């Protein structure tokens, strides 16, 4: 009986860890709308042709994306 309880506890710990990692592992993208020529930050990878990922505009945190957007040439030009 102890074996089963220990096995269940270990399994539960790994399950919680896996769920936490998938939640934290989001990415942010700097995208540019070709019509307005404005850059924005989105948290899901753009699909389609209405917006495109700019330069190397993939970041792990929103703060990194905001800092990166300031250094991307097409985002700073008007």
Protein backbone atom coordinates (compact mmCIF):
# COMPACT_ATOMS: atom_id res chain seq x y z
CA UNK A 1 0.00 0.00 0.00
CA UNK A 2 2.84 2.39 0.82
CA UNK A 3 4.34 1.70 -2.61
CA UNK A 4 1.17 2.87 -4.32
CA UNK A 5 0.93 6.02 -2.21
CA UNK A 6 4.54 6.94 -2.89
CA UNK A 7 4.12 6.23 -6.60
CA UNK A 8 0.99 8.39 -6.73
CA UNK A 9 2.75 11.24 -4.90
CA UNK A 10 5.71 11.14 -7.29
CA UNK A 11 3.42 11.02 -10.30
CA UNK A 12 1.41 13.98 -8.99
CA UNK A 13 4.58 16.01 -8.42
CA UNK A 14 5.76 15.42 -11.99
CA UNK A 15 2.32 16.23 -13.39
CA UNK A 16 2.17 19.56 -11.56
CA UNK A 17 5.69 20.39 -12.73
CA UNK A 18 4.84 19.64 -16.36
CA UNK A 19 1.72 21.83 -16.25
CA UNK A 20 3.68 24.70 -14.69
CA UNK A 21 6.33 24.52 -17.40
CA UNK A 22 3.84 24.67 -20.25
CA UNK A 23 2.14 27.69 -18.69
CA UNK A 24 5.40 29.60 -18.19
CA UNK A 25 6.91 28.71 -21.55
CA UNK A 26 4.97 31.33 -23.53
CA UNK A 27 6.64 33.45 -26.16
CA UNK A 28 6.09 37.01 -27.29
CA UNK A 29 6.42 38.23 -30.86
CA UNK A 30 7.08 41.67 -32.30
CA UNK A 31 4.84 41.93 -35.35
CA UNK A 32 4.28 44.64 -37.93
CA UNK A 33 1.02 45.44 -39.69
CA UNK A 34 1.87 46.21 -43.33
CA UNK A 35 -1.13 48.54 -43.75
CA UNK A 36 -0.46 50.79 -40.76
CA UNK A 37 3.29 50.06 -40.54
CA UNK A 38 2.98 49.87 -36.76
CA UNK A 39 4.73 47.32 -34.58
CA UNK A 40 2.96 45.59 -31.72
CA UNK A 41 3.69 42.79 -29.27
CA UNK A 42 1.51 39.68 -29.30
CA UNK A 43 1.62 36.53 -27.20
CA UNK A 44 0.68 34.07 -29.93
CA UNK A 45 2.53 33.31 -33.14
CA UNK A 46 0.87 35.18 -36.01
CA UNK A 47 -0.65 33.11 -38.76
CA UNK A 48 -1.66 34.50 -42.11
CA UNK A 49 -0.54 37.56 -44.00
CA UNK A 50 -2.07 40.44 -42.03
CA UNK A 51 0.95 40.72 -39.71
CA UNK A 52 4.50 39.45 -39.92
CA UNK A 53 7.14 38.76 -37.31
CA UNK A 54 9.72 41.52 -37.55
CA UNK A 55 13.44 40.71 -37.78
CA UNK A 56 14.26 38.36 -34.88
CA UNK A 57 11.11 39.36 -33.03
CA UNK A 58 10.64 36.30 -30.82
CA UNK A 59 11.16 36.81 -27.08
CA UNK A 60 10.64 34.83 -23.87
CA UNK A 61 9.15 37.66 -21.80
CA UNK A 62 7.05 40.71 -22.58
CA UNK A 63 9.75 42.98 -21.10
CA UNK A 64 12.33 41.54 -23.50
CA UNK A 65 9.91 42.08 -26.37
CA UNK A 66 9.35 45.71 -25.39
CA UNK A 67 13.09 46.33 -25.18
CA UNK A 68 13.70 44.48 -28.44
CA UNK A 69 11.00 46.43 -30.26
CA UNK A 70 12.85 49.67 -29.46
CA UNK A 71 15.96 48.36 -31.24
CA UNK A 72 14.26 46.97 -34.36
CA UNK A 73 14.81 49.45 -37.18
CA UNK A 74 11.44 49.14 -38.93
CA UNK A 75 9.66 49.66 -35.61
CA UNK A 76 11.48 52.89 -34.83
CA UNK A 77 11.08 54.48 -38.27
CA UNK A 78 8.01 56.57 -39.10
